[in-house]
All heavy atoms as atom14 arrays in JSON, in Angstrom:
{
  "sequence": "FFKILCRLWYGIIFRTKVIGAENIPKTGAFILASNHMANWDPPFLG",
  "atom14_mask": [
    [1, 1, 1, 1, 1, 1, 1, 1, 1, 1, 1, 0, 0, 0],
    [1, 1, 1, 1, 1, 1, 1, 1, 1, 1, 1, 0, 0, 0],
    [1, 1, 1, 1, 1, 1, 1, 1, 1, 0, 0, 0, 0, 0],
    [1, 1, 1, 1, 1, 1, 1, 1, 0, 0, 0, 0, 0, 0],
    [1, 1, 1, 1, 1, 1, 1, 1, 0, 0, 0, 0, 0, 0],
    [1, 1, 1, 1, 1, 1, 0, 0, 0, 0, 0, 0, 0, 0],
    [1, 1, 1, 1, 1, 1, 1, 1, 1, 1, 1, 0, 0, 0],
    [1, 1, 1, 1, 1, 1, 1, 1, 0, 0, 0, 0, 0, 0],
    [1, 1, 1, 1, 1, 1, 1, 1, 1, 1, 1, 1, 1, 1],
    [1, 1, 1, 1, 1, 1, 1, 1, 1, 1, 1, 1, 0, 0],
    [1, 1, 1, 1, 0, 0, 0, 0, 0, 0, 0, 0, 0, 0],
    [1, 1, 1, 1, 1, 1, 1, 1, 0, 0, 0, 0, 0, 0],
    [1, 1, 1, 1, 1, 1, 1, 1, 0, 0, 0, 0, 0, 0],
    [1, 1, 1, 1, 1, 1, 1, 1, 1, 1, 1, 0, 0, 0],
    [1, 1, 1, 1, 1, 1, 1, 1, 1, 1, 1, 0, 0, 0],
    [1, 1, 1, 1, 1, 1, 1, 0, 0, 0, 0, 0, 0, 0],
    [1, 1, 1, 1, 1, 1, 1, 1, 1, 0, 0, 0, 0, 0],
    [1, 1, 1, 1, 1, 1, 1, 0, 0, 0, 0, 0, 0, 0],
    [1, 1, 1, 1, 1, 1, 1, 1, 0, 0, 0, 0, 0, 0],
    [1, 1, 1, 1, 0, 0, 0, 0, 0, 0, 0, 0, 0, 0],
    [1, 1, 1, 1, 1, 0, 0, 0, 0, 0, 0, 0, 0, 0],
    [1, 1, 1, 1, 1, 1, 1, 1, 1, 0, 0, 0, 0, 0],
    [1, 1, 1, 1, 1, 1, 1, 1, 0, 0, 0, 0, 0, 0],
    [1, 1, 1, 1, 1, 1, 1, 1, 0, 0, 0, 0, 0, 0],
    [1, 1, 1, 1, 1, 1, 1, 0, 0, 0, 0, 0, 0, 0],
    [1, 1, 1, 1, 1, 1, 1, 1, 1, 0, 0, 0, 0, 0],
    [1, 1, 1, 1, 1, 1, 1, 0, 0, 0, 0, 0, 0, 0],
    [1, 1, 1, 1, 0, 0, 0, 0, 0, 0, 0, 0, 0, 0],
    [1, 1, 1, 1, 1, 0, 0, 0, 0, 0, 0, 0, 0, 0],
    [1, 1, 1, 1, 1, 1, 1, 1, 1, 1, 1, 0, 0, 0],
    [1, 1, 1, 1, 1, 1, 1, 1, 0, 0, 0, 0, 0, 0],
    [1, 1, 1, 1, 1, 1, 1, 1, 0, 0, 0, 0, 0, 0],
    [1, 1, 1, 1, 1, 0, 0, 0, 0, 0, 0, 0, 0, 0],
    [1, 1, 1, 1, 1, 1, 0, 0, 0, 0, 0, 0, 0, 0],
    [1, 1, 1, 1, 1, 1, 1, 1, 0, 0, 0, 0, 0, 0],
    [1, 1, 1, 1, 1, 1, 1, 1, 1, 1, 0, 0, 0, 0],
    [1, 1, 1, 1, 1, 1, 1, 1, 0, 0, 0, 0, 0, 0],
    [1, 1, 1, 1, 1, 0, 0, 0, 0, 0, 0, 0, 0, 0],
    [1, 1, 1, 1, 1, 1, 1, 1, 0, 0, 0, 0, 0, 0],
    [1, 1, 1, 1, 1, 1, 1, 1, 1, 1, 1, 1, 1, 1],
    [1, 1, 1, 1, 1, 1, 1, 1, 0, 0, 0, 0, 0, 0],
    [1, 1, 1, 1, 1, 1, 1, 0, 0, 0, 0, 0, 0, 0],
    [1, 1, 1, 1, 1, 1, 1, 0, 0, 0, 0, 0, 0, 0],
    [1, 1, 1, 1, 1, 1, 1, 1, 1, 1, 1, 0, 0, 0],
    [1, 1, 1, 1, 1, 1, 1, 1, 0, 0, 0, 0, 0, 0],
    [1, 1, 1, 1, 0, 0, 0, 0, 0, 0, 0, 0, 0, 0]
  ],
  "atom14_positions": [
    [[0.83, -1.2, 0.0], [0.0, 0.0, 0.0], [0.87, 1.26, 0.0], [0.63, 2.2, -0.76], [-0.92, -0.01, 1.22], [-1.74, 1.24, 1.38], [-2.8, 1.5, 0.52], [-1.44, 2.16, 2.38], [-3.56, 2.66, 0.65], [-2.2, 3.32, 2.51], [-3.26, 3.57, 1.65], [0.0, 0.0, 0.0], [0.0, 0.0, 0.0], [0.0, 0.0, 0.0]],
    [[1.91, 1.25, 0.84], [2.82, 2.39, 0.92], [3.55, 2.58, -0.41], [3.77, 3.72, -0.85], [3.81, 2.15, 2.06], [4.73, 3.31, 2.31], [4.28, 4.45, 2.96], [6.06, 3.28, 1.9], [5.12, 5.52, 3.2], [6.91, 4.34, 2.13], [6.44, 5.46, 2.79], [0.0, 0.0, 0.0], [0.0, 0.0, 0.0], [0.0, 0.0, 0.0]],
    [[3.88, 1.49, -1.05], [4.59, 1.56, -2.33], [3.72, 2.21, -3.41], [4.21, 3.0, -4.23], [5.02, 0.16, -2.75], [5.99, 0.11, -3.92], [6.48, -1.31, -4.1], [7.57, -1.4, -5.13], [8.11, -2.78, -5.23], [0.0, 0.0, 0.0], [0.0, 0.0, 0.0], [0.0, 0.0, 0.0], [0.0, 0.0, 0.0], [0.0, 0.0, 0.0]],
    [[2.45, 1.88, -3.42], [1.52, 2.48, -4.38], [1.45, 3.99, -4.16], [1.5, 4.77, -5.12], [0.12, 1.85, -4.25], [0.15, 0.4, -4.73], [-0.91, 2.65, -5.06], [-1.11, -0.37, -4.45], [0.0, 0.0, 0.0], [0.0, 0.0, 0.0], [0.0, 0.0, 0.0], [0.0, 0.0, 0.0], [0.0, 0.0, 0.0], [0.0, 0.0, 0.0]],
    [[1.35, 4.4, -2.9], [1.31, 5.83, -2.58], [2.59, 6.53, -3.05], [2.55, 7.63, -3.6], [1.14, 6.03, -1.08], [-0.21, 5.62, -0.47], [-0.21, 5.89, 1.03], [-1.36, 6.36, -1.15], [0.0, 0.0, 0.0], [0.0, 0.0, 0.0], [0.0, 0.0, 0.0], [0.0, 0.0, 0.0], [0.0, 0.0, 0.0], [0.0, 0.0, 0.0]],
    [[3.72, 5.85, -2.83], [5.01, 6.44, -3.23], [5.12, 6.57, -4.75], [5.67, 7.56, -5.26], [6.16, 5.59, -2.69], [6.46, 5.81, -0.92], [0.0, 0.0, 0.0], [0.0, 0.0, 0.0], [0.0, 0.0, 0.0], [0.0, 0.0, 0.0], [0.0, 0.0, 0.0], [0.0, 0.0, 0.0], [0.0, 0.0, 0.0], [0.0, 0.0, 0.0]],
    [[4.62, 5.58, -5.47], [4.67, 5.66, -6.94], [3.86, 6.84, -7.44], [4.27, 7.53, -8.39], [4.17, 4.35, -7.55], [5.17, 3.22, -7.46], [4.83, 2.07, -8.37], [5.85, 1.04, -8.3], [5.89, -0.03, -9.09], [4.96, -0.19, -10.02], [6.86, -0.92, -8.97], [0.0, 0.0, 0.0], [0.0, 0.0, 0.0], [0.0, 0.0, 0.0]],
    [[2.72, 7.09, -6.81], [1.91, 8.24, -7.19], [2.62, 9.54, -6.83], [2.67, 10.48, -7.61], [0.55, 8.16, -6.49], [-0.37, 7.02, -6.93], [-1.6, 6.95, -6.03], [-0.79, 7.18, -8.38], [0.0, 0.0, 0.0], [0.0, 0.0, 0.0], [0.0, 0.0, 0.0], [0.0, 0.0, 0.0], [0.0, 0.0, 0.0], [0.0, 0.0, 0.0]],
    [[3.16, 9.58, -5.61], [3.82, 10.77, -5.1], [5.05, 11.14, -5.93], [5.16, 12.24, -6.47], [4.19, 10.53, -3.65], [5.06, 11.56, -2.99], [6.36, 11.41, -2.63], [4.7, 12.9, -2.58], [6.84, 12.55, -2.02], [5.84, 13.48, -1.99], [3.53, 13.64, -2.68], [5.84, 14.78, -1.5], [3.53, 14.94, -2.18], [4.67, 15.49, -1.6]],
    [[5.97, 10.17, -6.05], [7.2, 10.45, -6.79], [6.98, 10.51, -8.3], [7.63, 11.28, -9.0], [8.25, 9.39, -6.48], [8.77, 9.42, -5.06], [8.63, 8.31, -4.22], [9.41, 10.54, -4.55], [9.11, 8.33, -2.92], [9.89, 10.57, -3.26], [9.73, 9.47, -2.43], [10.2, 9.5, -1.16], [0.0, 0.0, 0.0], [0.0, 0.0, 0.0]],
    [[6.07, 9.66, -8.79], [5.88, 9.59, -10.23], [5.15, 10.79, -10.8], [5.55, 11.33, -11.84], [0.0, 0.0, 0.0], [0.0, 0.0, 0.0], [0.0, 0.0, 0.0], [0.0, 0.0, 0.0], [0.0, 0.0, 0.0], [0.0, 0.0, 0.0], [0.0, 0.0, 0.0], [0.0, 0.0, 0.0], [0.0, 0.0, 0.0], [0.0, 0.0, 0.0]],
    [[4.1, 11.24, -10.12], [3.29, 12.34, -10.65], [3.82, 13.71, -10.21], [4.03, 14.6, -11.03], [1.82, 12.18, -10.21], [1.23, 10.9, -10.81], [1.0, 13.4, -10.63], [-0.17, 10.57, -10.34], [0.0, 0.0, 0.0], [0.0, 0.0, 0.0], [0.0, 0.0, 0.0], [0.0, 0.0, 0.0], [0.0, 0.0, 0.0], [0.0, 0.0, 0.0]],
    [[4.04, 13.87, -8.91], [4.46, 15.17, -8.39], [5.87, 15.55, -8.84], [6.15, 16.69, -9.2], [4.37, 15.21, -6.85], [2.95, 14.86, -6.39], [4.8, 16.56, -6.31], [1.88, 15.82, -6.87], [0.0, 0.0, 0.0], [0.0, 0.0, 0.0], [0.0, 0.0, 0.0], [0.0, 0.0, 0.0], [0.0, 0.0, 0.0], [0.0, 0.0, 0.0]],
    [[6.77, 14.56, -8.83], [8.18, 14.85, -9.13], [8.63, 14.31, -10.48], [9.81, 14.37, -10.8], [9.07, 14.31, -8.01], [8.8, 14.96, -6.69], [8.0, 14.33, -5.74], [9.3, 16.22, -6.39], [7.73, 14.94, -4.52], [9.04, 16.83, -5.18], [8.24, 16.19, -4.24], [0.0, 0.0, 0.0], [0.0, 0.0, 0.0], [0.0, 0.0, 0.0]],
    [[7.68, 13.75, -11.27], [7.96, 13.32, -12.64], [9.25, 12.48, -12.74], [10.12, 12.74, -13.56], [8.08, 14.55, -13.55], [6.82, 15.4, -13.61], [7.11, 16.85, -13.94], [7.86, 17.5, -12.86], [8.82, 18.38, -13.06], [9.19, 18.72, -14.28], [9.44, 18.94, -12.03], [0.0, 0.0, 0.0], [0.0, 0.0, 0.0], [0.0, 0.0, 0.0]],
    [[9.35, 11.5, -11.87], [10.57, 10.7, -11.76], [10.89, 9.93, -13.04], [10.02, 9.28, -13.63], [10.45, 9.7, -10.6], [10.29, 10.43, -9.39], [11.69, 8.81, -10.51], [0.0, 0.0, 0.0], [0.0, 0.0, 0.0], [0.0, 0.0, 0.0], [0.0, 0.0, 0.0], [0.0, 0.0, 0.0], [0.0, 0.0, 0.0], [0.0, 0.0, 0.0]],
    [[12.13, 10.02, -13.45], [12.62, 9.23, -14.58], [13.34, 8.01, -14.03], [14.25, 8.13, -13.22], [13.57, 10.05, -15.45], [14.02, 9.28, -16.71], [14.64, 10.2, -17.74], [14.92, 9.45, -19.03], [15.48, 10.33, -20.08], [0.0, 0.0, 0.0], [0.0, 0.0, 0.0], [0.0, 0.0, 0.0], [0.0, 0.0, 0.0], [0.0, 0.0, 0.0]],
    [[12.92, 6.84, -14.46], [13.5, 5.57, -14.0], [14.33, 4.97, -15.12], [13.84, 4.76, -16.23], [12.39, 4.58, -13.57], [13.01, 3.29, -13.05], [11.48, 5.21, -12.52], [0.0, 0.0, 0.0], [0.0, 0.0, 0.0], [0.0, 0.0, 0.0], [0.0, 0.0, 0.0], [0.0, 0.0, 0.0], [0.0, 0.0, 0.0], [0.0, 0.0, 0.0]],
    [[15.6, 4.71, -14.82], [16.52, 4.18, -15.83], [17.15, 2.88, -15.32], [17.61, 2.81, -14.19], [17.64, 5.2, -16.13], [17.04, 6.54, -16.58], [18.6, 4.66, -17.18], [18.06, 7.67, -16.65], [0.0, 0.0, 0.0], [0.0, 0.0, 0.0], [0.0, 0.0, 0.0], [0.0, 0.0, 0.0], [0.0, 0.0, 0.0], [0.0, 0.0, 0.0]],
    [[17.15, 1.86, -16.15], [17.85, 0.61, -15.83], [17.09, -0.34, -14.93], [17.7, -1.25, -14.35], [0.0, 0.0, 0.0], [0.0, 0.0, 0.0], [0.0, 0.0, 0.0], [0.0, 0.0, 0.0], [0.0, 0.0, 0.0], [0.0, 0.0, 0.0], [0.0, 0.0, 0.0], [0.0, 0.0, 0.0], [0.0, 0.0, 0.0], [0.0, 0.0, 0.0]],
    [[15.77, -0.21, -14.82], [15.0, -1.12, -13.96], [15.12, -2.56, -14.41], [14.95, -3.49, -13.62], [13.54, -0.69, -13.93], [0.0, 0.0, 0.0], [0.0, 0.0, 0.0], [0.0, 0.0, 0.0], [0.0, 0.0, 0.0], [0.0, 0.0, 0.0], [0.0, 0.0, 0.0], [0.0, 0.0, 0.0], [0.0, 0.0, 0.0], [0.0, 0.0, 0.0]],
    [[15.45, -2.75, -15.69], [15.61, -4.12, -16.21], [16.82, -4.83, -15.61], [16.97, -6.06, -15.73], [15.73, -4.1, -17.74], [16.99, -3.46, -18.29], [16.93, -1.94, -18.39], [15.93, -1.35, -17.95], [17.9, -1.35, -18.92], [0.0, 0.0, 0.0], [0.0, 0.0, 0.0], [0.0, 0.0, 0.0], [0.0, 0.0, 0.0], [0.0, 0.0, 0.0]],
    [[17.71, -4.08, -14.94], [18.88, -4.68, -14.31], [18.57, -5.31, -12.95], [19.42, -6.0, -12.38], [19.97, -3.62, -14.12], [20.55, -3.15, -15.45], [20.74, -3.95, -16.36], [20.82, -1.86, -15.55], [0.0, 0.0, 0.0], [0.0, 0.0, 0.0], [0.0, 0.0, 0.0], [0.0, 0.0, 0.0], [0.0, 0.0, 0.0], [0.0, 0.0, 0.0]],
    [[17.38, -5.07, -12.45], [16.99, -5.64, -11.16], [16.63, -7.11, -11.34], [15.75, -7.45, -12.14], [15.78, -4.89, -10.57], [16.12, -3.42, -10.34], [15.32, -5.54, -9.27], [17.19, -3.16, -9.33], [0.0, 0.0, 0.0], [0.0, 0.0, 0.0], [0.0, 0.0, 0.0], [0.0, 0.0, 0.0], [0.0, 0.0, 0.0], [0.0, 0.0, 0.0]],
    [[17.29, -8.03, -10.61], [16.96, -9.46, -10.73], [15.5, -9.72, -10.37], [14.98, -9.18, -9.4], [17.91, -10.11, -9.71], [19.03, -9.13, -9.54], [18.4, -7.79, -9.67], [0.0, 0.0, 0.0], [0.0, 0.0, 0.0], [0.0, 0.0, 0.0], [0.0, 0.0, 0.0], [0.0, 0.0, 0.0], [0.0, 0.0, 0.0], [0.0, 0.0, 0.0]],
    [[14.85, -10.55, -11.15], [13.44, -10.88, -10.89], [13.31, -11.82, -9.7], [12.28, -11.84, -9.01], [12.8, -11.48, -12.14], [12.74, -10.51, -13.32], [11.99, -11.11, -14.48], [11.97, -10.16, -15.68], [11.34, -8.87, -15.36], [0.0, 0.0, 0.0], [0.0, 0.0, 0.0], [0.0, 0.0, 0.0], [0.0, 0.0, 0.0], [0.0, 0.0, 0.0]],
    [[14.33, -12.64, -9.47], [14.33, -13.57, -8.34], [15.73, -13.62, -7.73], [16.71, -13.21, -8.36], [13.94, -14.99, -8.79], [14.88, -15.46, -9.77], [12.54, -15.02, -9.37], [0.0, 0.0, 0.0], [0.0, 0.0, 0.0], [0.0, 0.0, 0.0], [0.0, 0.0, 0.0], [0.0, 0.0, 0.0], [0.0, 0.0, 0.0], [0.0, 0.0, 0.0]],
    [[15.81, -14.13, -6.52], [17.1, -14.33, -5.88], [17.6, -13.11, -5.13], [17.1, -11.99, -5.3], [0.0, 0.0, 0.0], [0.0, 0.0, 0.0], [0.0, 0.0, 0.0], [0.0, 0.0, 0.0], [0.0, 0.0, 0.0], [0.0, 0.0, 0.0], [0.0, 0.0, 0.0], [0.0, 0.0, 0.0], [0.0, 0.0, 0.0], [0.0, 0.0, 0.0]],
    [[18.6, -13.34, -4.3], [19.16, -12.3, -3.45], [20.0, -11.31, -4.24], [20.67, -11.67, -5.21], [20.02, -12.95, -2.37], [0.0, 0.0, 0.0], [0.0, 0.0, 0.0], [0.0, 0.0, 0.0], [0.0, 0.0, 0.0], [0.0, 0.0, 0.0], [0.0, 0.0, 0.0], [0.0, 0.0, 0.0], [0.0, 0.0, 0.0], [0.0, 0.0, 0.0]],
    [[19.96, -10.04, -3.8], [20.88, -9.05, -4.32], [20.91, -7.86, -3.36], [20.0, -7.65, -2.56], [20.5, -8.58, -5.73], [19.24, -7.78, -5.83], [19.27, -6.39, -5.89], [18.0, -8.41, -5.88], [18.1, -5.65, -5.99], [16.82, -7.67, -5.99], [16.88, -6.28, -6.05], [0.0, 0.0, 0.0], [0.0, 0.0, 0.0], [0.0, 0.0, 0.0]],
    [[22.0, -7.11, -3.46], [22.2, -5.91, -2.64], [22.01, -4.69, -3.53], [22.62, -4.59, -4.59], [23.61, -5.89, -2.02], [23.81, -7.11, -1.12], [23.83, -4.6, -1.23], [25.26, -7.31, -0.69], [0.0, 0.0, 0.0], [0.0, 0.0, 0.0], [0.0, 0.0, 0.0], [0.0, 0.0, 0.0], [0.0, 0.0, 0.0], [0.0, 0.0, 0.0]],
    [[21.14, -3.79, -3.11], [20.89, -2.56, -3.84], [21.65, -1.45, -3.12], [21.31, -1.06, -2.01], [19.39, -2.27, -3.87], [18.88, -1.14, -4.76], [19.27, -1.38, -6.22], [17.36, -1.03, -4.64], [0.0, 0.0, 0.0], [0.0, 0.0, 0.0], [0.0, 0.0, 0.0], [0.0, 0.0, 0.0], [0.0, 0.0, 0.0], [0.0, 0.0, 0.0]],
    [[22.74, -0.96, -3.73], [23.64, 0.0, -3.08], [23.56, 1.35, -3.76], [23.8, 1.47, -4.96], [25.08, -0.52, -3.13], [0.0, 0.0, 0.0], [0.0, 0.0, 0.0], [0.0, 0.0, 0.0], [0.0, 0.0, 0.0], [0.0, 0.0, 0.0], [0.0, 0.0, 0.0], [0.0, 0.0, 0.0], [0.0, 0.0, 0.0], [0.0, 0.0, 0.0]],
    [[23.22, 2.39, -2.98], [22.97, 3.7, -3.57], [23.62, 4.82, -2.78], [23.99, 4.65, -1.61], [21.45, 3.93, -3.63], [21.13, 5.24, -4.03], [0.0, 0.0, 0.0], [0.0, 0.0, 0.0], [0.0, 0.0, 0.0], [0.0, 0.0, 0.0], [0.0, 0.0, 0.0], [0.0, 0.0, 0.0], [0.0, 0.0, 0.0], [0.0, 0.0, 0.0]],
    [[23.7, 5.97, -3.43], [24.09, 7.2, -2.73], [22.93, 7.63, -1.82], [21.8, 7.13, -1.95], [24.43, 8.31, -3.72], [23.27, 8.66, -4.64], [22.62, 7.78, -5.23], [22.99, 9.94, -4.79], [0.0, 0.0, 0.0], [0.0, 0.0, 0.0], [0.0, 0.0, 0.0], [0.0, 0.0, 0.0], [0.0, 0.0, 0.0], [0.0, 0.0, 0.0]],
    [[23.2, 8.54, -0.9], [22.19, 8.93, 0.1], [22.29, 10.42, 0.36], [23.31, 10.91, 0.81], [22.45, 8.13, 1.38], [21.37, 8.23, 2.41], [20.1, 8.65, 2.12], [21.38, 7.94, 3.74], [19.36, 8.62, 3.23], [20.12, 8.2, 4.21], [0.0, 0.0, 0.0], [0.0, 0.0, 0.0], [0.0, 0.0, 0.0], [0.0, 0.0, 0.0]],
    [[21.17, 11.14, 0.07], [21.18, 12.59, 0.24], [20.06, 13.13, 1.1], [20.15, 14.26, 1.6], [21.11, 13.27, -1.15], [22.23, 12.88, -2.1], [22.09, 13.76, -3.69], [20.56, 13.06, -4.34], [0.0, 0.0, 0.0], [0.0, 0.0, 0.0], [0.0, 0.0, 0.0], [0.0, 0.0, 0.0], [0.0, 0.0, 0.0], [0.0, 0.0, 0.0]],
    [[18.99, 12.34, 1.28], [17.82, 12.86, 2.0], [17.03, 11.73, 2.64], [17.19, 10.55, 2.29], [16.93, 13.64, 1.03], [0.0, 0.0, 0.0], [0.0, 0.0, 0.0], [0.0, 0.0, 0.0], [0.0, 0.0, 0.0], [0.0, 0.0, 0.0], [0.0, 0.0, 0.0], [0.0, 0.0, 0.0], [0.0, 0.0, 0.0], [0.0, 0.0, 0.0]],
    [[16.15, 12.11, 3.56], [15.3, 11.11, 4.22], [14.32, 10.46, 3.25], [13.75, 9.41, 3.55], [14.51, 11.77, 5.36], [15.41, 12.11, 6.55], [16.4, 11.44, 6.81], [15.06, 13.17, 7.26], [0.0, 0.0, 0.0], [0.0, 0.0, 0.0], [0.0, 0.0, 0.0], [0.0, 0.0, 0.0], [0.0, 0.0, 0.0], [0.0, 0.0, 0.0]],
    [[14.11, 11.09, 2.11], [13.23, 10.54, 1.08], [13.81, 9.3, 0.42], [13.09, 8.55, -0.25], [12.99, 11.58, -0.02], [12.49, 12.91, 0.44], [13.23, 14.04, 0.67], [11.13, 13.28, 0.71], [12.42, 15.08, 1.06], [11.12, 14.65, 1.09], [9.91, 12.58, 0.64], [9.96, 15.33, 1.42], [8.75, 13.27, 0.97], [8.77, 14.61, 1.36]],
    [[15.11, 9.09, 0.54], [15.81, 8.11, -0.29], [15.39, 6.65, -0.12], [15.22, 5.96, -1.14], [17.33, 8.24, -0.06], [17.87, 9.57, -0.54], [17.14, 10.27, -1.26], [19.01, 9.92, -0.18], [0.0, 0.0, 0.0], [0.0, 0.0, 0.0], [0.0, 0.0, 0.0], [0.0, 0.0, 0.0], [0.0, 0.0, 0.0], [0.0, 0.0, 0.0]],
    [[15.23, 6.13, 1.11], [14.88, 4.69, 1.21], [13.6, 4.32, 0.46], [13.64, 3.4, -0.38], [14.78, 4.47, 2.72], [15.68, 5.51, 3.3], [15.52, 6.71, 2.42], [0.0, 0.0, 0.0], [0.0, 0.0, 0.0], [0.0, 0.0, 0.0], [0.0, 0.0, 0.0], [0.0, 0.0, 0.0], [0.0, 0.0, 0.0], [0.0, 0.0, 0.0]],
    [[12.47, 5.0, 0.69], [11.28, 4.61, -0.08], [11.43, 4.9, -1.57], [10.94, 4.12, -2.41], [10.15, 5.45, 0.54], [10.84, 6.59, 1.2], [12.15, 6.05, 1.67], [0.0, 0.0, 0.0], [0.0, 0.0, 0.0], [0.0, 0.0, 0.0], [0.0, 0.0, 0.0], [0.0, 0.0, 0.0], [0.0, 0.0, 0.0], [0.0, 0.0, 0.0]],
    [[12.13, 5.98, -1.91], [12.31, 6.34, -3.31], [13.09, 5.27, -4.06], [12.74, 4.89, -5.19], [13.02, 7.69, -3.41], [13.26, 8.15, -4.82], [12.18, 8.47, -5.64], [14.54, 8.28, -5.33], [12.39, 8.91, -6.96], [14.75, 8.71, -6.62], [13.67, 9.03, -7.44], [0.0, 0.0, 0.0], [0.0, 0.0, 0.0], [0.0, 0.0, 0.0]],
    [[14.12, 4.74, -3.44], [14.99, 3.76, -4.09], [14.23, 2.49, -4.46], [14.5, 1.88, -5.49], [16.18, 3.42, -3.18], [17.25, 2.5, -3.74], [17.92, 3.12, -4.96], [18.3, 2.19, -2.66], [0.0, 0.0, 0.0], [0.0, 0.0, 0.0], [0.0, 0.0, 0.0], [0.0, 0.0, 0.0], [0.0, 0.0, 0.0], [0.0, 0.0, 0.0]],
    [[13.27, 2.1, -3.61], [12.56, 0.84, -3.87], [11.21, 0.99, -4.53], [10.56, -0.02, -4.86], [0.0, 0.0, 0.0], [0.0, 0.0, 0.0], [0.0, 0.0, 0.0], [0.0, 0.0, 0.0], [0.0, 0.0, 0.0], [0.0, 0.0, 0.0], [0.0, 0.0, 0.0], [0.0, 0.0, 0.0], [0.0, 0.0, 0.0], [0.0, 0.0, 0.0]]
  ]
}
């Protein structure tokens, strides 16, 4: 539910451009490592 709200918030209000989503494994473990600039970052990243 929170993710749906975030997609609306970030997608519509901030017109987010998503690049390289096809690189995310569909199954199995992986580490998602990112830069960090604001409290918005954890929900935004996922």
